[in-house]
Protein backbone atom coordinates (compact mmCIF):
# COMPACT_ATOMS: atom_id res chain seq x y z
CA MET A 1 89.30 102.08 80.91
CA LYS A 2 89.88 104.02 84.37
CA GLN A 3 92.91 103.46 86.10
CA TYR A 4 92.81 101.79 89.53
CA ARG A 5 93.71 104.48 92.38
CA PRO A 6 93.29 103.76 95.82
CA THR A 7 91.35 106.17 97.90
CA ILE A 8 93.39 108.45 100.48
CA GLU A 9 91.71 106.55 103.19
CA GLN A 10 92.82 102.94 101.95
CA LEU A 11 96.49 104.34 101.49
CA LYS A 12 96.42 105.41 105.00
CA LYS A 13 95.20 102.16 106.37
CA ARG A 14 97.68 100.27 104.26
CA TYR A 15 100.70 102.61 105.67
CA SER A 16 99.48 102.19 109.23
CA ALA A 17 99.29 98.29 108.75
CA ASP A 18 102.80 98.22 107.26
CA MET A 19 104.21 100.66 110.34
CA ALA A 20 102.41 98.31 112.75
CA ARG A 21 103.81 95.22 110.92
CA ARG A 22 107.45 96.79 111.07
CA LYS A 23 107.03 97.52 115.09
CA MET A 24 105.78 94.07 115.68
CA GLN A 25 108.67 92.44 113.77
CA ALA A 26 111.29 94.56 115.32
CA ARG A 27 110.17 93.76 118.74
CA ARG A 28 110.13 90.27 117.86
CA ASP A 29 113.64 90.53 116.77
CA ALA A 30 114.78 92.19 119.60
CA ALA A 31 113.38 89.70 121.81
CA ARG A 32 114.92 86.79 119.95
CA ASP A 33 118.07 85.20 121.30
CA PRO A 34 120.88 86.15 118.71
CA ASN A 35 122.66 83.19 119.47
CA ALA A 36 119.75 80.64 118.81
CA LYS A 37 119.63 78.93 115.50
CA ARG A 38 116.63 79.08 113.51
CA VAL A 39 115.13 75.68 112.82
CA ARG A 40 114.53 74.98 108.71
CA ILE A 41 111.39 73.31 108.05
CA PRO A 42 112.26 70.40 105.88
CA ASP A 43 110.98 70.09 102.49
CA ASN A 44 108.47 67.34 102.37
CA SER A 45 107.24 67.98 98.76
CA GLU A 46 107.05 65.04 96.29
CA PRO A 47 106.81 65.29 92.63
CA TRP A 48 103.34 65.03 91.08
CA LEU A 49 104.38 62.45 88.46
CA PRO A 50 106.92 59.47 88.83
CA HIS A 51 108.61 60.77 85.65
CA PRO A 52 108.28 64.60 84.83
CA VAL A 53 106.93 65.93 81.60
CA ARG A 54 109.75 66.04 79.08
CA SER A 55 108.11 67.31 75.91
CA VAL A 56 105.02 69.14 74.76
CA ALA A 57 103.44 65.95 73.61
CA ASP A 58 103.68 64.46 77.19
CA ALA A 59 101.82 67.57 78.54
CA MET A 60 99.32 67.30 75.81
CA TRP A 61 98.61 63.37 76.58
CA ILE A 62 98.36 64.45 80.35
CA SER A 63 95.83 67.23 79.40
CA ASP A 64 93.95 64.89 77.02
CA GLN A 65 93.48 62.40 79.92
CA ILE A 66 92.29 64.84 82.54
CA THR A 67 89.93 65.89 80.02
CA ALA A 68 88.63 62.47 79.54
CA ASP A 69 88.17 61.96 83.12
CA MET A 70 86.57 65.05 83.85
CA ARG A 71 84.03 64.11 81.15
CA GLN A 72 83.77 60.63 82.53
CA TRP A 73 82.78 62.26 85.84
CA SER A 74 80.56 65.01 84.14
CA LEU A 75 82.80 67.77 85.41
CA LEU A 76 83.04 69.48 82.18
């Protein structure tokens, strides 16, 4: 199998995009007030299952239920 190697043009584009991104980030950082606190986005994620999977048997049961539902809805 032939190893993937990007062309010189692709490398040039990637390098120039990286340089532009670094310059823009440097400008943003310079314009930002150093005393301003960064606002953290709160984590609003919830667990998918009320009781997480504790064993391989639980995971297999969940997989079987999903497969049965997919067969019921003709998705398999």
